Amino acid sequence: KGRFTISGDTTKNTAYLQMNALTPEDTAIYYCA
């Protein structure tokens, strides 16, 4: 919270995850659901 923001464009059938101020603890495989 405060670093990542989820958003989407239904006309493009696309969701986004904007990730700012990344840290090593954010290292992972990211999955869409």
Full PDB file with SEQRES, HELIX, SHEET, SSBOND, CRYST1, ORIGX, SCALE, CONECT and MASTER records, all heavy atoms in Angstrom:
SEQRES   1 A   33  LYS GLY ARG PHE THR ILE SER GLY ASP THR THR LYS ASN          
SEQRES   2 A   33  THR ALA TYR LEU GLN MET ASN ALA LEU THR PRO GLU ASP          
SEQRES   3 A   33  THR ALA ILE TYR TYR CYS ALA                                  
HELIX    1 AA1 THR A   10  LYS A   12  5                                   3    
HELIX    2 AA2 PRO A   24  ASP A   26  5                                   3    
SHEET    1 AA1 2 PHE A   4  ASP A   9  0                                        
SHEET    2 AA1 2 THR A  14  MET A  19 -1                                        
CRYST1    1.000    1.000    1.000  90.00  90.00  90.00 P 1           1          
ORIGX1      1.000000  0.000000  0.000000        0.00000                         
ORIGX2      0.000000  1.000000  0.000000        0.00000                         
ORIGX3      0.000000  0.000000  1.000000        0.00000                         
SCALE1      1.000000  0.000000  0.000000        0.00000                         
SCALE2      0.000000  1.000000  0.000000        0.00000                         
SCALE3      0.000000  0.000000  1.000000        0.00000                         
ATOM      1  N   LYS A   1       0.835  -1.199   0.000  1.00  0.00           N  
ATOM      2  CA  LYS A   1       0.000   0.000   0.000  1.00  0.00           C  
ATOM      3  C   LYS A   1       0.873   1.253   0.000  1.00  0.00           C  
ATOM      4  O   LYS A   1       1.820   1.365   0.772  1.00  0.00           O  
ATOM      5  CB  LYS A   1      -0.930  -0.014   1.208  1.00  0.00           C  
ATOM      6  CG  LYS A   1      -2.009   1.058   1.183  1.00  0.00           C  
ATOM      7  CD  LYS A   1      -2.972   0.894   2.356  1.00  0.00           C  
ATOM      8  CE  LYS A   1      -3.684  -0.447   2.310  1.00  0.00           C  
ATOM      9  NZ  LYS A   1      -4.661  -0.599   3.427  1.00  0.00           N  
ATOM     10  N   GLY A   2       0.542   2.178  -0.891  1.00  0.00           N  
ATOM     11  CA  GLY A   2       1.319   3.395  -1.034  1.00  0.00           C  
ATOM     12  C   GLY A   2       2.433   3.289  -2.039  1.00  0.00           C  
ATOM     13  O   GLY A   2       3.009   4.318  -2.430  1.00  0.00           O  
ATOM     14  N   ARG A   3       2.777   2.075  -2.466  1.00  0.00           N  
ATOM     15  CA  ARG A   3       3.824   1.863  -3.458  1.00  0.00           C  
ATOM     16  C   ARG A   3       3.278   1.251  -4.748  1.00  0.00           C  
ATOM     17  O   ARG A   3       3.731   1.607  -5.839  1.00  0.00           O  
ATOM     18  CB  ARG A   3       4.922   0.958  -2.911  1.00  0.00           C  
ATOM     19  CG  ARG A   3       5.652   1.528  -1.704  1.00  0.00           C  
ATOM     20  CD  ARG A   3       6.863   0.668  -1.349  1.00  0.00           C  
ATOM     21  NE  ARG A   3       6.480  -0.700  -0.999  1.00  0.00           N  
ATOM     22  CZ  ARG A   3       6.906  -1.787  -1.642  1.00  0.00           C  
ATOM     23  NH1 ARG A   3       7.743  -1.670  -2.674  1.00  0.00           N  
ATOM     24  NH2 ARG A   3       6.521  -2.991  -1.250  1.00  0.00           N  
ATOM     25  N   PHE A   4       2.347   0.317  -4.627  1.00  0.00           N  
ATOM     26  CA  PHE A   4       1.769  -0.371  -5.782  1.00  0.00           C  
ATOM     27  C   PHE A   4       0.346   0.114  -5.999  1.00  0.00           C  
ATOM     28  O   PHE A   4      -0.370   0.422  -5.040  1.00  0.00           O  
ATOM     29  CB  PHE A   4       1.726  -1.882  -5.568  1.00  0.00           C  
ATOM     30  CG  PHE A   4       3.065  -2.572  -5.499  1.00  0.00           C  
ATOM     31  CD1 PHE A   4       4.253  -1.859  -5.475  1.00  0.00           C  
ATOM     32  CD2 PHE A   4       3.122  -3.961  -5.455  1.00  0.00           C  
ATOM     33  CE1 PHE A   4       5.477  -2.496  -5.409  1.00  0.00           C  
ATOM     34  CE2 PHE A   4       4.334  -4.614  -5.393  1.00  0.00           C  
ATOM     35  CZ  PHE A   4       5.514  -3.886  -5.369  1.00  0.00           C  
ATOM     36  N   THR A   5      -0.083   0.136  -7.257  1.00  0.00           N  
ATOM     37  CA  THR A   5      -1.439   0.526  -7.599  1.00  0.00           C  
ATOM     38  C   THR A   5      -1.982  -0.379  -8.692  1.00  0.00           C  
ATOM     39  O   THR A   5      -1.367  -0.517  -9.750  1.00  0.00           O  
ATOM     40  CB  THR A   5      -1.503   1.983  -8.080  1.00  0.00           C  
ATOM     41  OG1 THR A   5      -0.967   2.857  -7.081  1.00  0.00           O  
ATOM     42  CG2 THR A   5      -2.953   2.374  -8.361  1.00  0.00           C  
ATOM     43  N   ILE A   6      -3.138  -0.991  -8.437  1.00  0.00           N  
ATOM     44  CA  ILE A   6      -3.790  -1.800  -9.451  1.00  0.00           C  
ATOM     45  C   ILE A   6      -4.735  -0.913 -10.255  1.00  0.00           C  
ATOM     46  O   ILE A   6      -5.384  -0.016  -9.707  1.00  0.00           O  
ATOM     47  CB  ILE A   6      -4.556  -2.987  -8.834  1.00  0.00           C  
ATOM     48  CG1 ILE A   6      -5.050  -3.934  -9.939  1.00  0.00           C  
ATOM     49  CG2 ILE A   6      -5.713  -2.517  -7.966  1.00  0.00           C  
ATOM     50  CD1 ILE A   6      -5.633  -5.237  -9.413  1.00  0.00           C  
ATOM     51  N   SER A   7      -4.799  -1.140 -11.553  1.00  0.00           N  
ATOM     52  CA  SER A   7      -5.705  -0.411 -12.422  1.00  0.00           C  
ATOM     53  C   SER A   7      -6.063  -1.305 -13.597  1.00  0.00           C  
ATOM     54  O   SER A   7      -5.519  -2.408 -13.731  1.00  0.00           O  
ATOM     55  CB  SER A   7      -5.080   0.905 -12.908  1.00  0.00           C  
ATOM     56  OG  SER A   7      -3.929   0.659 -13.699  1.00  0.00           O  
ATOM     57  N   GLY A   8      -6.972  -0.841 -14.436  1.00  0.00           N  
ATOM     58  CA  GLY A   8      -7.353  -1.664 -15.567  1.00  0.00           C  
ATOM     59  C   GLY A   8      -8.073  -0.881 -16.638  1.00  0.00           C  
ATOM     60  O   GLY A   8      -8.572   0.225 -16.401  1.00  0.00           O  
ATOM     61  N   ASP A   9      -8.112  -1.450 -17.817  1.00  0.00           N  
ATOM     62  CA  ASP A   9      -8.819  -0.892 -18.960  1.00  0.00           C  
ATOM     63  C   ASP A   9      -9.656  -2.017 -19.540  1.00  0.00           C  
ATOM     64  O   ASP A   9      -9.137  -2.885 -20.247  1.00  0.00           O  
ATOM     65  CB  ASP A   9      -7.822  -0.351 -19.985  1.00  0.00           C  
ATOM     66  CG  ASP A   9      -8.497   0.368 -21.133  1.00  0.00           C  
ATOM     67  OD1 ASP A   9      -9.714   0.168 -21.356  1.00  0.00           O  
ATOM     68  OD2 ASP A   9      -7.813   1.140 -21.826  1.00  0.00           O  
ATOM     69  N   THR A  10     -10.949  -2.010 -19.236  1.00  0.00           N  
ATOM     70  CA  THR A  10     -11.815  -3.097 -19.681  1.00  0.00           C  
ATOM     71  C   THR A  10     -11.969  -3.120 -21.194  1.00  0.00           C  
ATOM     72  O   THR A  10     -12.223  -4.179 -21.766  1.00  0.00           O  
ATOM     73  CB  THR A  10     -13.201  -2.993 -19.024  1.00  0.00           C  
ATOM     74  OG1 THR A  10     -13.785  -1.721 -19.320  1.00  0.00           O  
ATOM     75  CG2 THR A  10     -13.095  -3.150 -17.509  1.00  0.00           C  
ATOM     76  N   THR A  11     -11.821  -1.970 -21.852  1.00  0.00           N  
ATOM     77  CA  THR A  11     -11.921  -1.941 -23.309  1.00  0.00           C  
ATOM     78  C   THR A  11     -10.756  -2.669 -23.961  1.00  0.00           C  
ATOM     79  O   THR A  11     -10.880  -3.140 -25.093  1.00  0.00           O  
ATOM     80  CB  THR A  11     -11.983  -0.505 -23.839  1.00  0.00           C  
ATOM     81  OG1 THR A  11     -10.749   0.170 -23.581  1.00  0.00           O  
ATOM     82  CG2 THR A  11     -13.113   0.258 -23.175  1.00  0.00           C  
ATOM     83  N   LYS A  12      -9.631  -2.752 -23.263  1.00  0.00           N  
ATOM     84  CA  LYS A  12      -8.456  -3.474 -23.752  1.00  0.00           C  
ATOM     85  C   LYS A  12      -8.317  -4.843 -23.091  1.00  0.00           C  
ATOM     86  O   LYS A  12      -7.364  -5.568 -23.377  1.00  0.00           O  
ATOM     87  CB  LYS A  12      -7.190  -2.663 -23.503  1.00  0.00           C  
ATOM     88  CG  LYS A  12      -7.146  -1.333 -24.226  1.00  0.00           C  
ATOM     89  CD  LYS A  12      -5.850  -0.599 -23.913  1.00  0.00           C  
ATOM     90  CE  LYS A  12      -5.782   0.727 -24.649  1.00  0.00           C  
ATOM     91  NZ  LYS A  12      -4.522   1.462 -24.346  1.00  0.00           N  
ATOM     92  N   ASN A  13      -9.257  -5.180 -22.210  1.00  0.00           N  
ATOM     93  CA  ASN A  13      -9.209  -6.445 -21.473  1.00  0.00           C  
ATOM     94  C   ASN A  13      -7.871  -6.618 -20.757  1.00  0.00           C  
ATOM     95  O   ASN A  13      -7.310  -7.720 -20.721  1.00  0.00           O  
ATOM     96  CB  ASN A  13      -9.460  -7.628 -22.410  1.00  0.00           C  
ATOM     97  CG  ASN A  13     -10.841  -7.607 -23.017  1.00  0.00           C  
ATOM     98  OD1 ASN A  13     -11.822  -7.386 -22.314  1.00  0.00           O  
ATOM     99  ND2 ASN A  13     -10.917  -7.843 -24.317  1.00  0.00           N  
ATOM    100  N   THR A  14      -7.379  -5.533 -20.173  1.00  0.00           N  
ATOM    101  CA  THR A  14      -6.056  -5.540 -19.565  1.00  0.00           C  
ATOM    102  C   THR A  14      -6.073  -4.921 -18.175  1.00  0.00           C  
ATOM    103  O   THR A  14      -6.625  -3.839 -17.983  1.00  0.00           O  
ATOM    104  CB  THR A  14      -5.048  -4.783 -20.442  1.00  0.00           C  
ATOM    105  OG1 THR A  14      -4.977  -5.398 -21.735  1.00  0.00           O  
ATOM    106  CG2 THR A  14      -3.667  -4.804 -19.810  1.00  0.00           C  
ATOM    107  N   ALA A  15      -5.457  -5.620 -17.224  1.00  0.00           N  
ATOM    108  CA  ALA A  15      -5.237  -5.098 -15.887  1.00  0.00           C  
ATOM    109  C   ALA A  15      -3.760  -4.766 -15.731  1.00  0.00           C  
ATOM    110  O   ALA A  15      -2.899  -5.379 -16.373  1.00  0.00           O  
ATOM    111  CB  ALA A  15      -5.664  -6.107 -14.830  1.00  0.00           C  
ATOM    112  N   TYR A  16      -3.466  -3.794 -14.869  1.00  0.00           N  
ATOM    113  CA  TYR A  16      -2.098  -3.344 -14.665  1.00  0.00           C  
ATOM    114  C   TYR A  16      -1.748  -3.355 -13.185  1.00  0.00           C  
ATOM    115  O   TYR A  16      -2.618  -3.269 -12.320  1.00  0.00           O  
ATOM    116  CB  TYR A  16      -1.893  -1.920 -15.193  1.00  0.00           C  
ATOM    117  CG  TYR A  16      -2.281  -1.726 -16.632  1.00  0.00           C  
ATOM    118  CD1 TYR A  16      -3.539  -1.223 -16.971  1.00  0.00           C  
ATOM    119  CD2 TYR A  16      -1.405  -2.049 -17.657  1.00  0.00           C  
ATOM    120  CE1 TYR A  16      -3.895  -1.045 -18.293  1.00  0.00           C  
ATOM    121  CE2 TYR A  16      -1.756  -1.874 -18.983  1.00  0.00           C  
ATOM    122  CZ  TYR A  16      -3.004  -1.368 -19.296  1.00  0.00           C  
ATOM    123  OH  TYR A  16      -3.350  -1.195 -20.613  1.00  0.00           O  
ATOM    124  N   LEU A  17      -0.465  -3.463 -12.903  1.00  0.00           N  
ATOM    125  CA  LEU A  17       0.045  -3.277 -11.556  1.00  0.00           C  
ATOM    126  C   LEU A  17       1.253  -2.358 -11.653  1.00  0.00           C  
ATOM    127  O   LEU A  17       2.313  -2.771 -12.132  1.00  0.00           O  
ATOM    128  CB  LEU A  17       0.442  -4.599 -10.902  1.00  0.00           C  
ATOM    129  CG  LEU A  17       0.905  -4.487  -9.448  1.00  0.00           C  
ATOM    130  CD1 LEU A  17      -0.262  -4.078  -8.548  1.00  0.00           C  
ATOM    131  CD2 LEU A  17       1.517  -5.797  -8.965  1.00  0.00           C  
ATOM    132  N   GLN A  18       1.077  -1.104 -11.234  1.00  0.00           N  
ATOM    133  CA  GLN A  18       2.175  -0.153 -11.202  1.00  0.00           C  
ATOM    134  C   GLN A  18       2.926  -0.336  -9.890  1.00  0.00           C  
ATOM    135  O   GLN A  18       2.342  -0.217  -8.816  1.00  0.00           O  
ATOM    136  CB  GLN A  18       1.656   1.280 -11.315  1.00  0.00           C  
ATOM    137  CG  GLN A  18       2.739   2.343 -11.265  1.00  0.00           C  
ATOM    138  CD  GLN A  18       3.672   2.288 -12.448  1.00  0.00           C  
ATOM    139  OE1 GLN A  18       3.220   2.163 -13.588  1.00  0.00           O  
ATOM    140  NE2 GLN A  18       4.974   2.362 -12.199  1.00  0.00           N  
ATOM    141  N   MET A  19       4.217  -0.622  -9.971  1.00  0.00           N  
ATOM    142  CA  MET A  19       5.038  -0.896  -8.799  1.00  0.00           C  
ATOM    143  C   MET A  19       6.136   0.153  -8.712  1.00  0.00           C  
ATOM    144  O   MET A  19       6.989   0.245  -9.599  1.00  0.00           O  
ATOM    145  CB  MET A  19       5.644  -2.297  -8.875  1.00  0.00           C  
ATOM    146  CG  MET A  19       4.611  -3.402  -9.065  1.00  0.00           C  
ATOM    147  SD  MET A  19       5.345  -5.061  -8.993  1.00  0.00           S  
ATOM    148  CE  MET A  19       6.369  -5.014 -10.472  1.00  0.00           C  
ATOM    149  N   ASN A  20       6.118   0.940  -7.646  1.00  0.00           N  
ATOM    150  CA  ASN A  20       7.113   1.977  -7.412  1.00  0.00           C  
ATOM    151  C   ASN A  20       7.916   1.656  -6.158  1.00  0.00           C  
ATOM    152  O   ASN A  20       7.498   0.879  -5.308  1.00  0.00           O  
ATOM    153  CB  ASN A  20       6.446   3.342  -7.261  1.00  0.00           C  
ATOM    154  CG  ASN A  20       5.689   3.776  -8.495  1.00  0.00           C  
ATOM    155  OD1 ASN A  20       6.097   3.487  -9.623  1.00  0.00           O  
ATOM    156  ND2 ASN A  20       4.584   4.493  -8.299  1.00  0.00           N  
ATOM    157  N   ALA A  21       9.072   2.294  -6.033  1.00  0.00           N  
ATOM    158  CA  ALA A  21       9.928   2.144  -4.858  1.00  0.00           C  
ATOM    159  C   ALA A  21      10.162   0.674  -4.527  1.00  0.00           C  
ATOM    160  O   ALA A  21      10.021   0.251  -3.380  1.00  0.00           O  
ATOM    161  CB  ALA A  21       9.319   2.882  -3.672  1.00  0.00           C  
ATOM    162  N   LEU A  22      10.524  -0.094  -5.526  1.00  0.00           N  
ATOM    163  CA  LEU A  22      10.715  -1.525  -5.348  1.00  0.00           C  
ATOM    164  C   LEU A  22      11.883  -1.826  -4.412  1.00  0.00           C  
ATOM    165  O   LEU A  22      12.881  -1.107  -4.394  1.00  0.00           O  
ATOM    166  CB  LEU A  22      10.951  -2.190  -6.698  1.00  0.00           C  
ATOM    167  CG  LEU A  22       9.700  -2.323  -7.571  1.00  0.00           C  
ATOM    168  CD1 LEU A  22      10.082  -2.564  -9.019  1.00  0.00           C  
ATOM    169  CD2 LEU A  22       8.821  -3.463  -7.050  1.00  0.00           C  
ATOM    170  N   THR A  23      11.734  -2.889  -3.642  1.00  0.00           N  
ATOM    171  CA  THR A  23      12.770  -3.365  -2.728  1.00  0.00           C  
ATOM    172  C   THR A  23      13.046  -4.831  -3.016  1.00  0.00           C  
ATOM    173  O   THR A  23      12.247  -5.509  -3.669  1.00  0.00           O  
ATOM    174  CB  THR A  23      12.330  -3.213  -1.264  1.00  0.00           C  
ATOM    175  OG1 THR A  23      11.339  -4.200  -0.947  1.00  0.00           O  
ATOM    176  CG2 THR A  23      11.758  -1.831  -1.004  1.00  0.00           C  
ATOM    177  N   PRO A  24      14.181  -5.360  -2.539  1.00  0.00           N  
ATOM    178  CA  PRO A  24      14.459  -6.785  -2.744  1.00  0.00           C  
ATOM    179  C   PRO A  24      13.363  -7.704  -2.215  1.00  0.00           C  
ATOM    180  O   PRO A  24      13.189  -8.806  -2.735  1.00  0.00           O  
ATOM    181  CB  PRO A  24      15.781  -6.992  -1.995  1.00  0.00           C  
ATOM    182  CG  PRO A  24      16.453  -5.669  -2.084  1.00  0.00           C  
ATOM    183  CD  PRO A  24      15.340  -4.666  -1.949  1.00  0.00           C  
ATOM    184  N   GLU A  25      12.631  -7.259  -1.200  1.00  0.00           N  
ATOM    185  CA  GLU A  25      11.542  -8.060  -0.648  1.00  0.00           C  
ATOM    186  C   GLU A  25      10.381  -8.211  -1.619  1.00  0.00           C  
ATOM    187  O   GLU A  25       9.500  -9.050  -1.405  1.00  0.00           O  
ATOM    188  CB  GLU A  25      11.047  -7.455   0.668  1.00  0.00           C  
ATOM    189  CG  GLU A  25      12.009  -7.621   1.844  1.00  0.00           C  
ATOM    190  CD  GLU A  25      13.278  -6.808   1.683  1.00  0.00           C  
ATOM    191  OE1 GLU A  25      13.188  -5.641   1.229  1.00  0.00           O  
ATOM    192  OE2 GLU A  25      14.356  -7.327   2.011  1.00  0.00           O  
ATOM    193  N   ASP A  26      10.349  -7.408  -2.674  1.00  0.00           N  
ATOM    194  CA  ASP A  26       9.315  -7.520  -3.694  1.00  0.00           C  
ATOM    195  C   ASP A  26       9.653  -8.570  -4.745  1.00  0.00           C  
ATOM    196  O   ASP A  26       8.839  -8.834  -5.633  1.00  0.00           O  
ATOM    197  CB  ASP A  26       9.090  -6.172  -4.382  1.00  0.00           C  
ATOM    198  CG  ASP A  26       8.561  -5.114  -3.437  1.00  0.00           C  
ATOM    199  OD1 ASP A  26       7.657  -5.431  -2.633  1.00  0.00           O  
ATOM    200  OD2 ASP A  26       9.048  -3.970  -3.504  1.00  0.00           O  
ATOM    201  N   THR A  27      10.841  -9.147  -4.677  1.00  0.00           N  
ATOM    202  CA  THR A  27      11.243 -10.177  -5.629  1.00  0.00           C  
ATOM    203  C   THR A  27      10.314 -11.380  -5.517  1.00  0.00           C  
ATOM    204  O   THR A  27      10.158 -11.959  -4.440  1.00  0.00           O  
ATOM    205  CB  THR A  27      12.688 -10.609  -5.387  1.00  0.00           C  
ATOM    206  OG1 THR A  27      13.564  -9.507  -5.644  1.00  0.00           O  
ATOM    207  CG2 THR A  27      13.065 -11.766  -6.301  1.00  0.00           C  
ATOM    208  N   ALA A  28       9.688 -11.748  -6.627  1.00  0.00           N  
ATOM    209  CA  ALA A  28       8.718 -12.841  -6.627  1.00  0.00           C  
ATOM    210  C   ALA A  28       8.232 -13.078  -8.046  1.00  0.00           C  
ATOM    211  O   ALA A  28       8.500 -12.284  -8.958  1.00  0.00           O  
ATOM    212  CB  ALA A  28       7.525 -12.506  -5.726  1.00  0.00           C  
ATOM    213  N   ILE A  29       7.510 -14.168  -8.216  1.00  0.00           N  
ATOM    214  CA  ILE A  29       6.740 -14.366  -9.431  1.00  0.00           C  
ATOM    215  C   ILE A  29       5.380 -13.735  -9.193  1.00  0.00           C  
ATOM    216  O   ILE A  29       4.721 -14.035  -8.191  1.00  0.00           O  
ATOM    217  CB  ILE A  29       6.582 -15.856  -9.790  1.00  0.00           C  
ATOM    218  CG1 ILE A  29       7.945 -16.506  -9.973  1.00  0.00           C  
ATOM    219  CG2 ILE A  29       5.753 -16.011 -11.057  1.00  0.00           C  
ATOM    220  CD1 ILE A  29       7.878 -18.004 -10.217  1.00  0.00           C  
ATOM    221  N   TYR A  30       4.973 -12.869 -10.084  1.00  0.00           N  
ATOM    222  CA  TYR A  30       3.704 -12.173  -9.951  1.00  0.00           C  
ATOM    223  C   TYR A  30       2.675 -12.814 -10.870  1.00  0.00           C  
ATOM    224  O   TYR A  30       2.923 -12.997 -12.064  1.00  0.00           O  
ATOM    225  CB  TYR A  30       3.871 -10.689 -10.280  1.00  0.00           C  
ATOM    226  CG  TYR A  30       4.529  -9.924  -9.156  1.00  0.00           C  
ATOM    227  CD1 TYR A  30       5.881 -10.086  -8.889  1.00  0.00           C  
ATOM    228  CD2 TYR A  30       3.792  -9.061  -8.353  1.00  0.00           C  
ATOM    229  CE1 TYR A  30       6.487  -9.412  -7.836  1.00  0.00           C  
ATOM    230  CE2 TYR A  30       4.387  -8.380  -7.309  1.00  0.00           C  
ATOM    231  CZ  TYR A  30       5.734  -8.559  -7.054  1.00  0.00           C  
ATOM    232  OH  TYR A  30       6.328  -7.885  -6.013  1.00  0.00           O  
ATOM    233  N   TYR A  31       1.522 -13.152 -10.303  1.00  0.00           N  
ATOM    234  CA  TYR A  31       0.463 -13.839 -11.020  1.00  0.00           C  
ATOM    235  C   TYR A  31      -0.774 -12.966 -11.141  1.00  0.00           C  
ATOM    236  O   TYR A  31      -1.187 -12.329 -10.169  1.00  0.00           O  
ATOM    237  CB  TYR A  31       0.063 -15.128 -10.304  1.00  0.00           C  
ATOM    238  CG  TYR A  31       1.150 -16.169 -10.218  1.00  0.00           C  
ATOM    239  CD1 TYR A  31       2.007 -16.217  -9.128  1.00  0.00           C  
ATOM    240  CD2 TYR A  31       1.303 -17.114 -11.223  1.00  0.00           C  
ATOM    241  CE1 TYR A  31       2.999 -17.175  -9.040  1.00  0.00           C  
ATOM    242  CE2 TYR A  31       2.289 -18.079 -11.143  1.00  0.00           C  
ATOM    243  CZ  TYR A  31       3.132 -18.104 -10.051  1.00  0.00           C  
ATOM    244  OH  TYR A  31       4.108 -19.063  -9.967  1.00  0.00           O  
ATOM    245  N   CYS A  32      -1.372 -12.980 -12.303  1.00  0.00           N  
ATOM    246  CA  CYS A  32      -2.658 -12.349 -12.525  1.00  0.00           C  
ATOM    247  C   CYS A  32      -3.751 -13.381 -12.284  1.00  0.00           C  
ATOM    248  O   CYS A  32      -3.569 -14.565 -12.578  1.00  0.00           O  
ATOM    249  CB  CYS A  32      -2.728 -11.817 -13.955  1.00  0.00           C  
ATOM    250  SG  CYS A  32      -4.295 -11.063 -14.420  1.00  0.00           S  
ATOM    251  N   ALA A  33      -4.871 -12.955 -11.737  1.00  0.00           N  
ATOM    252  CA  ALA A  33      -5.982 -13.856 -11.477  1.00  0.00           C  
ATOM    253  C   ALA A  33      -7.305 -13.169 -11.786  1.00  0.00           C  
ATOM    254  O   ALA A  33      -7.424 -11.952 -11.669  1.00  0.00           O  
ATOM    255  CB  ALA A  33      -5.966 -14.323 -10.017  1.00  0.00           C  
TER     256      ALA A  33                                                      
MASTER        0    0    0    2    2    0    0    6  255    1    0    3          
END                                                                             
